[in-house]
Structures are given as structure tokens and as C-alpha cells.
Amino acid sequence: MLSILSTFFGPHRAVSIYVFLKSWWLVITGVATLIAVFAGLLLLNDDGTHEHHSFLTVEVLSATPINGDLKNGVVASVRLPDGSATSVTSTEGPVARTVGTEACIEKRIYVGSGEPRYRFKLPRYCDAS
């Protein structure tokens, strides 16, 4: 590597560059890798836009309070209208307290992927539908 550097930069400057790279190669490689990862995440990330699809009243299969207290939220398994089950999490205390044997969820469809996502809502949204 020293001979390659000396052909481009001259022998004295090549030694300085070689010593610098030998000392700092790990930091330089780490920073370049982090920049590449963050740039990739930024460029390939979905913007997260979604469309509201519907409000659904679903059966709750199991519900577990976060940290043992409903004011911190709830993690619940629910049975969707198509018969499949999914896990839905809410960290909002007032919404978490409404989860019992039934719960109101909002179905959202993400624009980019068409994937459905669900989130708990207050029961008044399902009653109005």
C-alpha cells in the first residue's frame, strides 16, 4: 500500500498518509459505515402514510397491562373479523382501560405496501359507525 501511495503523493507524504490511515482506519471505517446505514434507511424508508379503512369491534383473546398497570397501556391479542388473530398494543391509559372482552380497533391501510395495521380506539368510534 505504501508503494501505491508514494506513486500518487510522493514518498514523504505517502508515509504520513499511511501512518494516519493505519492509526485511524477503524474510526474512519465505522463512520463511513454509519453514514451508509443512515443514508440507506433514509432513502429506502416508507413515509408511513396510511388511509383509514374502518372501525371494528373485536373479541379480545387476552390482555396484559404494561408494567402491571393499565395506566401505562395494554398489550392484547384480538380476533379479527376474518378469523385471524393479531396483537395490538396501546400506550394510552384512557384507551387501555376500555379493553375488556371486546375492544374497538381502527384498521389502517398503508399506502405504499397495502399492509393493514390496527390500533386501539375509544369505544365511541365503533358506536358511531
Protein backbone atom coordinates (compact mmCIF):
# COMPACT_ATOMS: atom_id res chain seq x y z
CA MET A 1 0.00 0.00 0.00
CA LEU A 2 2.90 2.33 0.74
CA SER A 3 4.26 1.93 -2.81
CA ILE A 4 0.85 2.78 -4.28
CA LEU A 5 0.53 5.88 -2.10
CA SER A 6 4.07 7.01 -2.97
CA THR A 7 3.33 6.91 -6.71
CA PHE A 8 0.41 9.32 -6.23
CA PHE A 9 1.60 11.56 -3.37
CA GLY A 10 5.40 11.21 -3.22
CA PRO A 11 7.45 9.23 -0.68
CA HIS A 12 7.34 11.63 2.30
CA ARG A 13 3.66 12.44 2.09
CA ALA A 14 2.85 8.76 1.44
CA VAL A 15 4.38 7.78 4.80
CA SER A 16 2.29 10.42 6.60
CA ILE A 17 -0.90 9.25 4.89
CA TYR A 18 -0.05 5.62 5.59
CA VAL A 19 0.53 6.27 9.30
CA PHE A 20 -2.69 8.29 9.53
CA LEU A 21 -4.73 5.53 7.86
CA LYS A 22 -3.03 2.85 9.97
CA SER A 23 -3.94 4.75 13.18
CA TRP A 24 -7.47 5.84 12.32
CA TRP A 25 -8.77 3.14 9.93
CA LEU A 26 -11.22 1.72 12.47
CA VAL A 27 -12.81 5.10 13.22
CA ILE A 28 -12.94 6.08 9.54
CA THR A 29 -14.49 2.73 8.59
CA GLY A 30 -17.04 2.96 11.43
CA VAL A 31 -18.12 6.49 10.50
CA ALA A 32 -18.38 5.58 6.80
CA THR A 33 -20.47 2.51 7.70
CA LEU A 34 -22.81 4.55 9.93
CA ILE A 35 -23.27 7.15 7.21
CA ALA A 36 -24.06 4.42 4.68
CA VAL A 37 -26.58 2.75 7.02
CA PHE A 38 -28.35 6.00 7.87
CA ALA A 39 -28.43 7.08 4.21
CA GLY A 40 -29.89 3.70 3.26
CA LEU A 41 -32.55 3.93 5.95
CA LEU A 42 -33.43 7.45 4.90
CA LEU A 43 -33.65 6.65 1.19
CA LEU A 44 -35.39 3.28 1.47
CA ASN A 45 -37.77 4.17 4.29
CA ASP A 46 -41.51 4.20 3.69
CA ASP A 47 -43.04 7.57 4.55
CA GLY A 48 -45.71 5.82 6.63
CA THR A 49 -48.72 7.43 5.01
CA HIS A 50 -51.86 5.46 5.61
CA GLU A 51 -55.56 5.64 4.93
CA HIS A 52 -58.29 4.98 7.42
CA HIS A 53 -60.22 1.86 6.45
CA SER A 54 -62.73 1.17 9.21
CA PHE A 55 -63.50 0.91 12.91
CA LEU A 56 -64.13 -2.62 14.15
CA THR A 57 -65.41 -4.12 17.38
CA VAL A 58 -63.37 -7.25 18.00
CA GLU A 59 -63.16 -10.03 20.57
CA VAL A 60 -60.22 -9.78 22.97
CA LEU A 61 -58.50 -13.14 23.46
CA SER A 62 -56.04 -11.97 26.14
CA ALA A 63 -54.91 -8.64 27.54
CA THR A 64 -51.85 -7.85 29.62
CA PRO A 65 -51.26 -4.45 31.26
CA ILE A 66 -47.87 -2.91 30.52
CA ASN A 67 -45.74 -2.94 33.70
CA GLY A 68 -48.74 -4.36 35.56
CA ASP A 69 -50.79 -1.15 35.36
CA LEU A 70 -53.39 -0.17 32.76
CA LYS A 71 -52.42 3.50 33.00
CA ASN A 72 -49.17 2.52 31.24
CA GLY A 73 -51.00 0.74 28.43
CA VAL A 74 -52.02 -2.74 27.35
CA VAL A 75 -50.84 -5.48 25.02
CA ALA A 76 -53.76 -7.56 23.76
CA SER A 77 -54.41 -10.41 21.36
CA VAL A 78 -57.60 -9.87 19.38
CA ARG A 79 -59.59 -11.95 16.92
CA LEU A 80 -60.13 -10.07 13.67
CA PRO A 81 -63.38 -10.37 11.68
CA ASP A 82 -61.67 -12.65 9.11
CA GLY A 83 -60.92 -15.15 11.91
CA SER A 84 -57.20 -14.47 12.26
CA ALA A 85 -55.62 -13.22 15.47
CA THR A 86 -53.19 -10.36 15.93
CA SER A 87 -51.50 -8.50 18.76
CA VAL A 88 -52.32 -4.83 19.29
CA THR A 89 -50.54 -2.51 21.73
CA SER A 90 -51.70 0.79 23.18
CA THR A 91 -49.67 3.01 25.49
CA GLU A 92 -52.51 5.43 26.08
CA GLY A 93 -54.04 4.91 29.52
CA PRO A 94 -57.63 6.01 28.75
CA VAL A 95 -57.75 3.75 25.68
CA ALA A 96 -56.13 0.82 27.52
CA ARG A 97 -58.76 0.97 30.27
CA THR A 98 -61.53 0.35 27.71
CA VAL A 99 -60.09 -3.03 26.63
CA GLY A 100 -62.21 -5.78 28.16
CA THR A 101 -63.80 -8.81 26.50
CA GLU A 102 -64.35 -6.62 23.43
CA ALA A 103 -62.40 -3.68 22.10
CA CYS A 104 -62.68 -1.06 19.39
CA ILE A 105 -59.83 -1.01 16.88
CA GLU A 106 -59.09 1.12 13.85
CA LYS A 107 -57.96 -0.64 10.69
CA ARG A 108 -55.46 1.39 8.66
CA ILE A 109 -54.10 0.53 5.24
CA TYR A 110 -50.58 1.78 4.47
CA VAL A 111 -50.43 3.39 1.03
CA GLY A 112 -47.02 2.13 -0.06
CA SER A 113 -47.31 -1.50 0.96
CA GLY A 114 -51.08 -2.07 1.22
CA GLU A 115 -50.45 -3.71 4.59
CA PRO A 116 -53.19 -3.42 7.22
CA ARG A 117 -52.31 -2.17 10.70
CA TYR A 118 -54.52 -1.98 13.74
CA ARG A 119 -54.68 0.28 16.77
CA PHE A 120 -57.00 0.57 19.73
CA LYS A 121 -59.50 3.42 19.78
CA LEU A 122 -62.09 4.61 22.27
CA PRO A 123 -65.42 2.72 22.06
CA ARG A 124 -67.29 5.83 20.89
CA TYR A 125 -65.67 5.47 17.45
CA CYS A 126 -67.14 2.00 16.96
CA ASP A 127 -70.53 3.06 18.31
CA ALA A 128 -70.73 5.90 15.76
CA SER A 129 -70.08 3.58 12.78
